[in-house]
PDB file of N, CA and C in Angstrom:
ATOM      1  N   MET A   1       0.830  -1.234  -0.032  1.00  0.00           N
ATOM      2  CA  MET A   1       0.005   0.004  -0.016  1.00  0.00           C
ATOM      3  C   MET A   1       0.896   1.226  -0.036  1.00  0.00           C
ATOM      4  N   ALA A   2       0.420   2.199  -0.681  1.00  0.00           N
ATOM      5  CA  ALA A   2       1.178   3.496  -0.758  1.00  0.00           C
ATOM      6  C   ALA A   2       0.705   4.449   0.387  1.00  0.00           C
ATOM      7  N   VAL A   3       1.532   5.410   0.624  1.00  0.00           N
ATOM      8  CA  VAL A   3       1.215   6.429   1.707  1.00  0.00           C
ATOM      9  C   VAL A   3      -0.115   7.057   1.427  1.00  0.00           C
ATOM     10  N   GLU A   4      -0.325   7.322   0.146  1.00  0.00           N
ATOM     11  CA  GLU A   4      -1.623   8.010  -0.287  1.00  0.00           C
ATOM     12  C   GLU A   4      -2.867   7.255   0.091  1.00  0.00           C
ATOM     13  N   ASP A   5      -2.705   5.952   0.231  1.00  0.00           N
ATOM     14  CA  ASP A   5      -3.919   5.124   0.596  1.00  0.00           C
ATOM     15  C   ASP A   5      -4.344   5.463   2.043  1.00  0.00           C
ATOM     16  N   TYR A   6      -3.519   6.152   2.791  1.00  0.00           N
ATOM     17  CA  TYR A   6      -3.960   6.485   4.189  1.00  0.00           C
ATOM     18  C   TYR A   6      -4.270   8.043   4.338  1.00  0.00           C
ATOM     19  N   PHE A   7      -4.241   8.716   3.203  1.00  0.00           N
ATOM     20  CA  PHE A   7      -4.558  10.155   3.275  1.00  0.00           C
ATOM     21  C   PHE A   7      -5.999  10.373   3.595  1.00  0.00           C
ATOM     22  N   ILE A   8      -6.264  11.467   4.330  1.00  0.00           N
ATOM     23  CA  ILE A   8      -7.617  11.865   4.693  1.00  0.00           C
ATOM     24  C   ILE A   8      -7.854  13.256   4.191  1.00  0.00           C
ATOM     25  N   ASP A   9      -9.117  13.743   4.305  1.00  0.00           N
ATOM     26  CA  ASP A   9      -9.401  15.082   3.970  1.00  0.00           C
ATOM     27  C   ASP A   9      -9.008  16.092   5.100  1.00  0.00           C
ATOM     28  N   ILE A  10      -8.212  17.046   4.692  1.00  0.00           N
ATOM     29  CA  ILE A  10      -7.781  18.133   5.652  1.00  0.00           C
ATOM     30  C   ILE A  10      -8.231  19.376   5.080  1.00  0.00           C
ATOM     31  N   HIS A  11      -8.800  20.259   5.861  1.00  0.00           N
ATOM     32  CA  HIS A  11      -9.435  21.517   5.414  1.00  0.00           C
ATOM     33  C   HIS A  11      -8.645  22.762   5.927  1.00  0.00           C
ATOM     34  N   TYR A  12      -8.454  23.657   4.909  1.00  0.00           N
ATOM     35  CA  TYR A  12      -7.832  24.930   5.389  1.00  0.00           C
ATOM     36  C   TYR A  12      -8.954  25.659   6.064  1.00  0.00           C
ATOM     37  N   VAL A  13      -8.605  26.455   7.094  1.00  0.00           N
ATOM     38  CA  VAL A  13      -9.514  27.295   7.868  1.00  0.00           C
ATOM     39  C   VAL A  13      -9.092  28.738   7.796  1.00  0.00           C
ATOM     40  N   ASP A  14      -9.944  29.598   7.331  1.00  0.00           N
ATOM     41  CA  ASP A  14      -9.634  31.028   7.191  1.00  0.00           C
ATOM     42  C   ASP A  14     -10.355  31.850   8.212  1.00  0.00           C
ATOM     43  N   LYS A  15      -9.664  32.869   8.757  1.00  0.00           N
ATOM     44  CA  LYS A  15     -10.360  33.829   9.611  1.00  0.00           C
ATOM     45  C   LYS A  15     -11.058  34.829   8.681  1.00  0.00           C
ATOM     46  N   THR A  16     -12.385  34.980   9.007  1.00  0.00           N
ATOM     47  CA  THR A  16     -13.202  35.825   8.185  1.00  0.00           C
ATOM     48  C   THR A  16     -14.127  36.731   8.998  1.00  0.00           C
ATOM     49  N   ARG A  17     -14.632  37.750   8.416  1.00  0.00           N
ATOM     50  CA  ARG A  17     -15.587  38.645   9.085  1.00  0.00           C
ATOM     51  C   ARG A  17     -16.980  38.281   8.586  1.00  0.00           C
ATOM     52  N   GLN A  18     -17.900  37.987   9.533  1.00  0.00           N
ATOM     53  CA  GLN A  18     -19.279  37.567   9.210  1.00  0.00           C
ATOM     54  C   GLN A  18     -20.297  38.583   9.830  1.00  0.00           C
ATOM     55  N   PRO A  19     -21.418  38.789   9.123  1.00  0.00           N
ATOM     56  CA  PRO A  19     -22.442  39.591   9.785  1.00  0.00           C
ATOM     57  C   PRO A  19     -22.926  38.908  11.091  1.00  0.00           C
ATOM     58  N   ASP A  20     -23.191  39.672  12.179  1.00  0.00           N
ATOM     59  CA  ASP A  20     -23.589  39.054  13.388  1.00  0.00           C
ATOM     60  C   ASP A  20     -25.119  39.019  13.565  1.00  0.00           C
ATOM     61  N   GLY A  21     -25.811  39.525  12.522  1.00  0.00           N
ATOM     62  CA  GLY A  21     -27.326  39.488  12.577  1.00  0.00           C
ATOM     63  C   GLY A  21     -27.928  40.682  13.287  1.00  0.00           C
ATOM     64  N   THR A  22     -27.110  41.530  13.826  1.00  0.00           N
ATOM     65  CA  THR A  22     -27.624  42.706  14.492  1.00  0.00           C
ATOM     66  C   THR A  22     -27.110  44.026  13.848  1.00  0.00           C
ATOM     67  N   GLY A  23     -26.637  43.934  12.608  1.00  0.00           N
ATOM     68  CA  GLY A  23     -26.122  44.996  11.873  1.00  0.00           C
ATOM     69  C   GLY A  23     -24.621  45.252  12.049  1.00  0.00           C
ATOM     70  N   GLY A  24     -23.991  44.395  12.845  1.00  0.00           N
ATOM     71  CA  GLY A  24     -22.578  44.511  13.061  1.00  0.00           C
ATOM     72  C   GLY A  24     -21.845  43.316  12.493  1.00  0.00           C
ATOM     73  N   PHE A  25     -20.613  43.151  12.845  1.00  0.00           N
ATOM     74  CA  PHE A  25     -19.810  41.972  12.264  1.00  0.00           C
ATOM     75  C   PHE A  25     -19.086  41.338  13.445  1.00  0.00           C
ATOM     76  N   GLU A  26     -18.728  40.079  13.170  1.00  0.00           N
ATOM     77  CA  GLU A  26     -17.947  39.272  14.089  1.00  0.00           C
ATOM     78  C   GLU A  26     -16.927  38.551  13.319  1.00  0.00           C
ATOM     79  N   ASN A  27     -15.789  38.253  13.972  1.00  0.00           N
ATOM     80  CA  ASN A  27     -14.766  37.439  13.330  1.00  0.00           C
ATOM     81  C   ASN A  27     -15.115  35.954  13.625  1.00  0.00           C
ATOM     82  N   ALA A  28     -14.823  35.115  12.600  1.00  0.00           N
ATOM     83  CA  ALA A  28     -15.197  33.713  12.720  1.00  0.00           C
ATOM     84  C   ALA A  28     -14.170  32.908  11.936  1.00  0.00           C
ATOM     85  N   TYR A  29     -14.043  31.621  12.192  1.00  0.00           N
ATOM     86  CA  TYR A  29     -13.175  30.747  11.433  1.00  0.00           C
ATOM     87  C   TYR A  29     -14.140  30.097  10.363  1.00  0.00           C
ATOM     88  N   LYS A  30     -13.807  30.134   9.059  1.00  0.00           N
ATOM     89  CA  LYS A  30     -14.588  29.510   8.044  1.00  0.00           C
ATOM     90  C   LYS A  30     -13.768  28.415   7.457  1.00  0.00           C
ATOM     91  N   VAL A  31     -14.382  27.217   7.408  1.00  0.00           N
ATOM     92  CA  VAL A  31     -13.803  25.979   6.867  1.00  0.00           C
ATOM     93  C   VAL A  31     -13.821  26.167   5.370  1.00  0.00           C
ATOM     94  N   GLY A  32     -12.660  25.983   4.811  1.00  0.00           N
ATOM     95  CA  GLY A  32     -12.450  26.270   3.356  1.00  0.00           C
ATOM     96  C   GLY A  32     -12.059  25.070   2.574  1.00  0.00           C
ATOM     97  N   GLU A  33     -11.146  25.325   1.612  1.00  0.00           N
ATOM     98  CA  GLU A  33     -10.643  24.319   0.638  1.00  0.00           C
ATOM     99  C   GLU A  33     -10.150  23.028   1.339  1.00  0.00           C
ATOM    100  N   THR A  34     -10.269  21.982   0.643  1.00  0.00           N
ATOM    101  CA  THR A  34      -9.864  20.614   1.205  1.00  0.00           C
ATOM    102  C   THR A  34      -8.642  20.115   0.383  1.00  0.00           C
ATOM    103  N   PHE A  35      -7.757  19.470   1.087  1.00  0.00           N
ATOM    104  CA  PHE A  35      -6.585  18.760   0.432  1.00  0.00           C
ATOM    105  C   PHE A  35      -6.397  17.447   1.109  1.00  0.00           C
ATOM    106  N   LYS A  36      -5.733  16.530   0.548  1.00  0.00           N
ATOM    107  CA  LYS A  36      -5.418  15.218   1.029  1.00  0.00           C
ATOM    108  C   LYS A  36      -4.101  15.218   1.752  1.00  0.00           C
ATOM    109  N   GLY A  37      -4.089  14.545   2.912  1.00  0.00           N
ATOM    110  CA  GLY A  37      -2.853  14.476   3.648  1.00  0.00           C
ATOM    111  C   GLY A  37      -3.014  13.481   4.794  1.00  0.00           C
ATOM    112  N   SER A  38      -1.944  13.326   5.501  1.00  0.00           N
ATOM    113  CA  SER A  38      -1.853  12.341   6.650  1.00  0.00           C
ATOM    114  C   SER A  38      -1.571  13.186   7.871  1.00  0.00           C
ATOM    115  N   VAL A  39      -2.335  12.849   8.959  1.00  0.00           N
ATOM    116  CA  VAL A  39      -2.119  13.634  10.236  1.00  0.00           C
ATOM    117  C   VAL A  39      -1.728  12.556  11.263  1.00  0.00           C
ATOM    118  N   THR A  40      -0.597  12.656  11.943  1.00  0.00           N
ATOM    119  CA  THR A  40      -0.106  11.678  12.872  1.00  0.00           C
ATOM    120  C   THR A  40       0.237  12.449  14.181  1.00  0.00           C
ATOM    121  N   LYS A  41      -0.267  11.900  15.264  1.00  0.00           N
ATOM    122  CA  LYS A  41       0.032  12.505  16.589  1.00  0.00           C
ATOM    123  C   LYS A  41       1.541  12.149  16.911  1.00  0.00           C
ATOM    124  N   ALA A  42       2.150  13.170  17.387  1.00  0.00           N
ATOM    125  CA  ALA A  42       3.622  12.935  17.705  1.00  0.00           C
ATOM    126  C   ALA A  42       3.788  11.935  18.903  1.00  0.00           C
ATOM    127  N   SER A  43       4.959  11.204  18.914  1.00  0.00           N
ATOM    128  CA  SER A  43       5.230  10.332  19.936  1.00  0.00           C
ATOM    129  C   SER A  43       5.454  10.965  21.260  1.00  0.00           C
ATOM    130  N   ALA A  44       5.523  10.215  22.325  1.00  0.00           N
ATOM    131  CA  ALA A  44       5.723  10.761  23.708  1.00  0.00           C
ATOM    132  C   ALA A  44       7.024  11.481  23.794  1.00  0.00           C
ATOM    133  N   SER A  45       8.163  10.978  23.151  1.00  0.00           N
ATOM    134  CA  SER A  45       9.418  11.705  23.228  1.00  0.00           C
ATOM    135  C   SER A  45       9.352  13.011  22.466  1.00  0.00           C
ATOM    136  N   GLU A  46       8.614  13.020  21.292  1.00  0.00           N
ATOM    137  CA  GLU A  46       8.519  14.278  20.504  1.00  0.00           C
ATOM    138  C   GLU A  46       7.657  15.281  21.345  1.00  0.00           C
ATOM    139  N   GLN A  47       6.669  14.785  22.069  1.00  0.00           N
ATOM    140  CA  GLN A  47       5.763  15.740  22.897  1.00  0.00           C
ATOM    141  C   GLN A  47       6.645  16.299  24.003  1.00  0.00           C
ATOM    142  N   THR A  48       7.570  15.529  24.594  1.00  0.00           N
ATOM    143  CA  THR A  48       8.456  15.993  25.667  1.00  0.00           C
ATOM    144  C   THR A  48       9.405  17.039  25.163  1.00  0.00           C
ATOM    145  N   VAL A  49       9.980  16.760  24.015  1.00  0.00           N
ATOM    146  CA  VAL A  49      10.896  17.825  23.468  1.00  0.00           C
ATOM    147  C   VAL A  49      10.108  19.070  23.130  1.00  0.00           C
ATOM    148  N   ALA A  50       8.937  18.934  22.565  1.00  0.00           N
ATOM    149  CA  ALA A  50       8.108  20.153  22.263  1.00  0.00           C
ATOM    150  C   ALA A  50       7.822  20.947  23.518  1.00  0.00           C
ATOM    151  N   GLY A  51       7.549  20.193  24.659  1.00  0.00           N
ATOM    152  CA  GLY A  51       7.250  20.874  25.910  1.00  0.00           C
ATOM    153  C   GLY A  51       8.421  21.663  26.439  1.00  0.00           C
ATOM    154  N   ILE A  52       9.630  21.052  26.262  1.00  0.00           N
ATOM    155  CA  ILE A  52      10.854  21.738  26.683  1.00  0.00           C
ATOM    156  C   ILE A  52      10.987  23.066  25.846  1.00  0.00           C
ATOM    157  N   ARG A  53      10.655  23.039  24.618  1.00  0.00           N
ATOM    158  CA  ARG A  53      10.763  24.167  23.727  1.00  0.00           C
ATOM    159  C   ARG A  53       9.625  25.182  23.946  1.00  0.00           C
ATOM    160  N   GLY A  54       8.719  24.864  24.869  1.00  0.00           N
ATOM    161  CA  GLY A  54       7.600  25.765  25.178  1.00  0.00           C
ATOM    162  C   GLY A  54       6.352  25.558  24.402  1.00  0.00           C
ATOM    163  N   GLN A  55       6.245  24.449  23.590  1.00  0.00           N
ATOM    164  CA  GLN A  55       5.051  24.162  22.794  1.00  0.00           C
ATOM    165  C   GLN A  55       4.282  23.162  23.601  1.00  0.00           C
ATOM    166  N   VAL A  56       3.307  23.730  24.427  1.00  0.00           N
ATOM    167  CA  VAL A  56       2.624  22.830  25.397  1.00  0.00           C
ATOM    168  C   VAL A  56       1.475  22.118  24.781  1.00  0.00           C
ATOM    169  N   GLN A  57       1.004  22.471  23.618  1.00  0.00           N
ATOM    170  CA  GLN A  57      -0.096  21.787  23.037  1.00  0.00           C
ATOM    171  C   GLN A  57       0.341  20.488  22.443  1.00  0.00           C
ATOM    172  N   GLU A  58      -0.665  19.570  22.180  1.00  0.00           N
ATOM    173  CA  GLU A  58      -0.379  18.282  21.495  1.00  0.00           C
ATOM    174  C   GLU A  58       0.333  18.593  20.147  1.00  0.00           C
ATOM    175  N   GLN A  59       1.319  17.777  19.819  1.00  0.00           N
ATOM    176  CA  GLN A  59       1.962  18.014  18.519  1.00  0.00           C
ATOM    177  C   GLN A  59       1.559  16.915  17.423  1.00  0.00           C
ATOM    178  N   TYR A  60       1.504  17.307  16.241  1.00  0.00           N
ATOM    179  CA  TYR A  60       1.162  16.408  15.186  1.00  0.00           C
ATOM    180  C   TYR A  60       2.099  16.607  14.015  1.00  0.00           C
ATOM    181  N   THR A  61       2.284  15.610  13.138  1.00  0.00           N
ATOM    182  CA  THR A  61       3.013  15.684  11.973  1.00  0.00           C
ATOM    183  C   THR A  61       2.050  15.593  10.807  1.00  0.00           C
ATOM    184  N   ILE A  62       2.128  16.489   9.822  1.00  0.00           N
ATOM    185  CA  ILE A  62       1.306  16.438   8.649  1.00  0.00           C
ATOM    186  C   ILE A  62       2.133  16.136   7.426  1.00  0.00           C
ATOM    187  N   ILE A  63       1.718  15.146   6.602  1.00  0.00           N
ATOM    188  CA  ILE A  63       2.395  14.845   5.316  1.00  0.00           C
ATOM    189  C   ILE A  63       1.361  15.101   4.223  1.00  0.00           C
ATOM    190  N   THR A  64       1.858  15.725   3.175  1.00  0.00           N
ATOM    191  CA  THR A  64       0.959  16.030   2.053  1.00  0.00           C
ATOM    192  C   THR A  64       1.815  16.081   0.728  1.00  0.00           C
ATOM    193  N   HIS A  65       1.112  16.301  -0.351  1.00  0.00           N
ATOM    194  CA  HIS A  65       1.730  16.323  -1.606  1.00  0.00           C
ATOM    195  C   HIS A  65       2.681  17.488  -1.755  1.00  0.00           C
ATOM    196  N   ASP A  66       3.641  17.396  -2.578  1.00  0.00           N
ATOM    197  CA  ASP A  66       4.650  18.373  -2.720  1.00  0.00           C
ATOM    198  C   ASP A  66       4.030  19.741  -3.288  1.00  0.00           C
ATOM    199  N   ASN A  67       2.902  19.609  -4.011  1.00  0.00           N
ATOM    200  CA  ASN A  67       2.317  20.830  -4.702  1.00  0.00           C
ATOM    201  C   ASN A  67       1.371  21.533  -3.766  1.00  0.00           C
ATOM    202  N   ASN A  68       1.187  21.177  -2.592  1.00  0.00           N
ATOM    203  CA  ASN A  68       0.285  21.805  -1.629  1.00  0.00           C
ATOM    204  C   ASN A  68       0.904  23.121  -1.121  1.00  0.00           C
ATOM    205  N   ALA A  69       0.116  24.150  -1.056  1.00  0.00           N
ATOM    206  CA  ALA A  69       0.596  25.508  -0.670  1.00  0.00           C
ATOM    207  C   ALA A  69       0.585  25.700   0.888  1.00  0.00           C
ATOM    208  N   LEU A  70       0.869  24.711   1.587  1.00  0.00           N
ATOM    209  CA  LEU A  70       0.875  24.761   3.061  1.00  0.00           C
ATOM    210  C   LEU A  70       1.988  25.719   3.590  1.00  0.00           C
ATOM    211  N   GLU A  71       1.681  26.569   4.560  1.00  0.00           N
ATOM    212  CA  GLU A  71       2.654  27.548   5.100  1.00  0.00           C
ATOM    213  C   GLU A  71       2.578  27.654   6.604  1.00  0.00           C
ATOM    214  N   LYS A  72       3.599  28.107   7.202  1.00  0.00           N
ATOM    215  CA  LYS A  72       3.603  28.351   8.611  1.00  0.00           C
ATOM    216  C   LYS A  72       2.443  29.206   9.038  1.00  0.00           C
ATOM    217  N   ASP A  73       1.800  28.911  10.162  1.00  0.00           N
ATOM    218  CA  ASP A  73       0.704  29.638  10.809  1.00  0.00           C
ATOM    219  C   ASP A  73      -0.600  29.334  10.091  1.00  0.00           C
ATOM    220  N   ASP A  74      -0.629  28.507   9.100  1.00  0.00           N
ATOM    221  CA  ASP A  74      -1.947  28.112   8.513  1.00  0.00           C
ATOM    222  C   ASP A  74      -2.704  27.342   9.547  1.00  0.00           C
ATOM    223  N   VAL A  75      -4.124  27.527   9.605  1.00  0.00           N
ATOM    224  CA  VAL A  75      -4.948  26.870  10.467  1.00  0.00           C
ATOM    225  C   VAL A  75      -5.685  25.764   9.601  1.00  0.00           C
ATOM    226  N   LEU A  76      -5.627  24.560  10.134  1.00  0.00           N
ATOM    227  CA  LEU A  76      -6.188  23.344   9.492  1.00  0.00           C
ATOM    228  C   LEU A  76      -7.272  22.663  10.353  1.00  0.00           C
ATOM    229  N   MET A  77      -8.136  21.919   9.785  1.00  0.00           N
ATOM    230  CA  MET A  77      -9.103  21.152  10.454  1.00  0.00           C
ATOM    231  C   MET A  77      -9.192  19.786   9.815  1.00  0.00           C
ATOM    232  N   PHE A  78      -9.340  18.706  10.634  1.00  0.00           N
ATOM    233  CA  PHE A  78      -9.655  17.417  10.100  1.00  0.00           C
ATOM    234  C   PHE A  78     -10.585  16.750  11.116  1.00  0.00           C
ATOM    235  N   ILE A  79     -11.214  15.685  10.654  1.00  0.00           N
ATOM    236  CA  ILE A  79     -12.126  14.853  11.529  1.00  0.00           C
ATOM    237  C   ILE A  79     -11.323  13.709  12.050  1.00  0.00           C
ATOM    238  N   ASN A  80     -11.232  13.613  13.370  1.00  0.00           N
ATOM    239  CA  ASN A  80     -10.418  12.521  13.961  1.00  0.00           C
ATOM    240  C   ASN A  80     -11.162  11.221  14.006  1.00  0.00           C
ATOM    241  N   GLN A  81     -10.544  10.171  14.611  1.00  0.00           N
ATOM    242  CA  GLN A  81     -11.250   8.832  14.590  1.00  0.00           C
ATOM    243  C   GLN A  81     -12.516   8.869  15.433  1.00  0.00           C
ATOM    244  N   ASP A  82     -12.633   9.792  16.385  1.00  0.00           N
ATOM    245  CA  ASP A  82     -13.870   9.924  17.159  1.00  0.00           C
ATOM    246  C   ASP A  82     -14.889  10.738  16.556  1.00  0.00           C
ATOM    247  N   LYS A  83     -14.706  11.062  15.257  1.00  0.00           N
ATOM    248  CA  LYS A  83     -15.598  11.879  14.464  1.00  0.00           C
ATOM    249  C   LYS A  83     -15.797  13.325  15.010  1.00  0.00           C
ATOM    250  N   LYS A  84     -14.721  13.829  15.688  1.00  0.00           N
ATOM    251  CA  LYS A  84     -14.698  15.168  16.168  1.00  0.00           C
ATOM    252  C   LYS A  84     -13.812  16.101  15.294  1.00  0.00           C
ATOM    253  N   LYS A  85     -14.164  17.355  15.192  1.00  0.00           N
ATOM    254  CA  LYS A  85     -13.285  18.317  14.476  1.00  0.00           C
ATOM    255  C   LYS A  85     -12.095  18.571  15.348  1.00  0.00           C
ATOM    256  N   THR A  86     -10.970  18.499  14.707  1.00  0.00           N
ATOM    257  CA  THR A  86      -9.630  18.757  15.343  1.00  0.00           C
ATOM    258  C   THR A  86      -8.959  19.891  14.608  1.00  0.00           C
ATOM    259  N   PHE A  87      -8.575  20.923  15.331  1.00  0.00           N
ATOM    260  CA  PHE A  87      -7.949  22.129  14.725  1.00  0.00           C
ATOM    261  C   PHE A  87      -6.467  22.149  14.993  1.00  0.00           C
ATOM    262  N   LEU A  88      -5.671  22.454  13.987  1.00  0.00           N
ATOM    263  CA  LEU A  88      -4.209  22.501  14.153  1.00  0.00           C
ATOM    264  C   LEU A  88      -3.714  23.819  13.549  1.00  0.00           C
ATOM    265  N   ARG A  89      -2.552  24.312  14.141  1.00  0.00           N
ATOM    266  CA  ARG A  89      -1.926  25.471  13.577  1.00  0.00           C
ATOM    267  C   ARG A  89      -0.498  25.002  13.215  1.00  0.00           C
ATOM    268  N   VAL A  90      -0.115  25.223  11.920  1.00  0.00           N
ATOM    269  CA  VAL A  90       1.146  24.830  11.426  1.00  0.00           C
ATOM    270  C   VAL A  90       2.308  25.595  12.132  1.00  0.00           C
ATOM    271  N   ASN A  91       3.272  24.887  12.693  1.00  0.00           N
ATOM    272  CA  ASN A  91       4.337  25.553  13.491  1.00  0.00           C
ATOM    273  C   ASN A  91       5.562  25.928  12.600  1.00  0.00           C
ATOM    274  N   GLU A  92       5.714  25.374  11.433  1.00  0.00           N
ATOM    275  CA  GLU A  92       6.915  25.634  10.612  1.00  0.00           C
ATOM    276  C   GLU A  92       6.571  25.500   9.160  1.00  0.00           C
ATOM    277  N   ASN A  93       7.425  26.089   8.357  1.00  0.00           N
ATOM    278  CA  ASN A  93       7.243  25.824   6.912  1.00  0.00           C
ATOM    279  C   ASN A  93       7.515  24.445   6.563  1.00  0.00           C
ATOM    280  N   PRO A  94       6.736  23.862   5.626  1.00  0.00           N
ATOM    281  CA  PRO A  94       6.937  22.417   5.356  1.00  0.00           C
ATOM    282  C   PRO A  94       8.310  22.132   4.797  1.00  0.00           C
ATOM    283  N   THR A  95       8.796  20.977   5.088  1.00  0.00           N
ATOM    284  CA  THR A  95      10.056  20.459   4.597  1.00  0.00           C
ATOM    285  C   THR A  95       9.821  19.444   3.524  1.00  0.00           C
ATOM    286  N   HIS A  96      10.536  19.566   2.436  1.00  0.00           N
ATOM    287  CA  HIS A  96      10.439  18.537   1.372  1.00  0.00           C
ATOM    288  C   HIS A  96      11.267  17.349   1.707  1.00  0.00           C
ATOM    289  N   THR A  97      10.826  16.168   1.229  1.00  0.00           N
ATOM    290  CA  THR A  97      11.651  15.034   1.452  1.00  0.00           C
ATOM    291  C   THR A  97      12.864  15.043   0.617  1.00  0.00           C
ATOM    292  N   PRO A  98      13.947  14.553   1.036  1.00  0.00           N
ATOM    293  CA  PRO A  98      15.163  14.601   0.299  1.00  0.00           C
ATOM    294  C   PRO A  98      15.035  14.055  -1.168  1.00  0.00           C
ATOM    295  N   GLU A  99      15.816  14.670  -2.009  1.00  0.00           N
ATOM    296  CA  GLU A  99      15.693  14.228  -3.441  1.00  0.00           C
ATOM    297  C   GLU A  99      16.144  12.773  -3.543  1.00  0.00           C
ATOM    298  N   GLN A 100      17.017  12.253  -2.728  1.00  0.00           N
ATOM    299  CA  GLN A 100      17.508  10.867  -2.761  1.00  0.00           C
ATOM    300  C   GLN A 100      16.366   9.945  -2.363  1.00  0.00           C
ATOM    301  N   SER A 101      15.399  10.410  -1.678  1.00  0.00           N
ATOM    302  CA  SER A 101      14.363   9.531  -1.167  1.00  0.00           C
ATOM    303  C   SER A 101      13.526   8.970  -2.342  1.00  0.00           C
ATOM    304  N   ALA A 102      12.984   7.796  -2.100  1.00  0.00           N
ATOM    305  CA  ALA A 102      12.105   7.173  -3.126  1.00  0.00           C
ATOM    306  C   ALA A 102      10.770   7.904  -3.093  1.00  0.00           C
ATOM    307  N   GLN A 103      10.553   8.643  -2.031  1.00  0.00           N
ATOM    308  CA  GLN A 103       9.243   9.383  -1.974  1.00  0.00           C
ATOM    309  C   GLN A 103       9.491  10.868  -1.961  1.00  0.00           C
ATOM    310  N   SER A 104      10.043  11.382  -2.991  1.00  0.00           N
ATOM    311  CA  SER A 104      10.514  12.761  -2.995  1.00  0.00           C
ATOM    312  C   SER A 104       9.414  13.765  -3.335  1.00  0.00           C
ATOM    313  N   HIS A 105       8.252  13.223  -3.579  1.00  0.00           N
ATOM    314  CA  HIS A 105       7.148  14.191  -3.983  1.00  0.00           C
ATOM    315  C   HIS A 105       6.279  14.503  -2.730  1.00  0.00           C
ATOM    316  N   TRP A 106       6.768  14.388  -1.558  1.00  0.00           N
ATOM    317  CA  TRP A 106       5.975  14.671  -0.321  1.00  0.00           C
ATOM    318  C   TRP A 106       6.633  15.829   0.415  1.00  0.00           C
ATOM    319  N   LYS A 107       5.930  16.488   1.198  1.00  0.00           N
ATOM    320  CA  LYS A 107       6.490  17.398   2.155  1.00  0.00           C
ATOM    321  C   LYS A 107       5.736  17.190   3.511  1.00  0.00           C
ATOM    322  N   TYR A 108       6.425  17.638   4.603  1.00  0.00           N
ATOM    323  CA  TYR A 108       5.858  17.341   5.903  1.00  0.00           C
ATOM    324  C   TYR A 108       6.152  18.520   6.803  1.00  0.00           C
ATOM    325  N   CYS A 109       5.388  18.710   7.878  1.00  0.00           N
ATOM    326  CA  CYS A 109       5.595  19.795   8.837  1.00  0.00           C
ATOM    327  C   CYS A 109       5.028  19.367  10.157  1.00  0.00           C
ATOM    328  N   LYS A 110       5.341  20.140  11.194  1.00  0.00           N
ATOM    329  CA  LYS A 110       4.717  19.930  12.528  1.00  0.00           C
ATOM    330  C   LYS A 110       3.626  20.916  12.755  1.00  0.00           C
ATOM    331  N   ALA A 111       2.636  20.521  13.541  1.00  0.00           N
ATOM    332  CA  ALA A 111       1.526  21.436  13.804  1.00  0.00           C
ATOM    333  C   ALA A 111       1.114  21.170  15.252  1.00  0.00           C
ATOM    334  N   SER A 112       0.479  22.146  15.811  1.00  0.00           N
ATOM    335  CA  SER A 112       0.015  22.120  17.292  1.00  0.00           C
ATOM    336  C   SER A 112      -1.501  22.107  17.248  1.00  0.00           C
ATOM    337  N   TYR A 113      -2.075  21.323  18.159  1.00  0.00           N
ATOM    338  CA  TYR A 113      -3.505  21.332  18.409  1.00  0.00           C
ATOM    339  C   TYR A 113      -3.847  22.625  19.119  1.00  0.00           C
ATOM    340  N   PHE A 114      -5.066  23.145  18.765  1.00  0.00           N
ATOM    341  CA  PHE A 114      -5.550  24.290  19.513  1.00  0.00           C
ATOM    342  C   PHE A 114      -7.112  24.271  19.519  1.00  0.00           C
ATOM    343  N   GLU A 115      -7.661  24.912  20.447  1.00  0.00           N
ATOM    344  CA  GLU A 115      -9.145  25.116  20.508  1.00  0.00           C
ATOM    345  C   GLU A 115      -9.456  26.436  19.868  1.00  0.00           C
ATOM    346  N   PRO A 116     -10.385  26.446  18.902  1.00  0.00           N
ATOM    347  CA  PRO A 116     -10.719  27.695  18.177  1.00  0.00           C
ATOM    348  C   PRO A 116     -11.283  28.743  19.213  1.00  0.00           C
ATOM    349  N   ASP A 117     -10.814  29.948  19.150  1.00  0.00           N
ATOM    350  CA  ASP A 117     -11.271  30.973  20.041  1.00  0.00           C
ATOM    351  C   ASP A 117     -12.391  31.832  19.379  1.00  0.00           C
ATOM    352  N   LEU A 118     -12.773  31.453  18.173  1.00  0.00           N
ATOM    353  CA  LEU A 118     -13.861  32.083  17.444  1.00  0.00           C
ATOM    354  C   LEU A 118     -14.814  31.055  17.003  1.00  0.00           C
ATOM    355  N   ARG A 119     -16.049  31.555  16.660  1.00  0.00           N
ATOM    356  CA  ARG A 119     -17.081  30.599  16.127  1.00  0.00           C
ATOM    357  C   ARG A 119     -16.603  29.990  14.827  1.00  0.00           C
ATOM    358  N   VAL A 120     -16.973  28.839  14.537  1.00  0.00           N
ATOM    359  CA  VAL A 120     -16.573  28.100  13.349  1.00  0.00           C
ATOM    360  C   VAL A 120     -17.811  28.005  12.446  1.00  0.00           C
ATOM    361  N   VAL A 121     -17.756  28.445  11.186  1.00  0.00           N
ATOM    362  CA  VAL A 121     -18.812  28.364  10.212  1.00  0.00           C
ATOM    363  C   VAL A 121     -18.348  27.460   9.104  1.00  0.00           C
ATOM    364  N   GLU A 122     -19.290  26.762   8.541  1.00  0.00           N
ATOM    365  CA  GLU A 122     -19.025  25.871   7.384  1.00  0.00           C
ATOM    366  C   GLU A 122     -19.042  26.653   6.065  1.00  0.00           C
TER     367      GLU A 122
END
């Protein structure tokens, strides 16, 4: 089986301004474009190293196609195994796999779990 066989839908989430229904506006997170990728929770040792660096949230690794426009500070959402929406913020610019690798058309990055501080709209 190829890595792609395990890819799931991951959604970009954009911060947007929405009417609040009373003539004003409110900021909200809007679930946007979808791309395919893999989301893996970091191991216990990776979580410990992240904690030492001051990253206290749960850490994840995201793997996706090389042509994806993923960037540092992007907000993403995926549905976890418990069918709950999980939100991540990308911690670093994605790294391409080495050219010598048999899988050189992937890139990966680290992301942190966070609870949205704004309303989420579909």
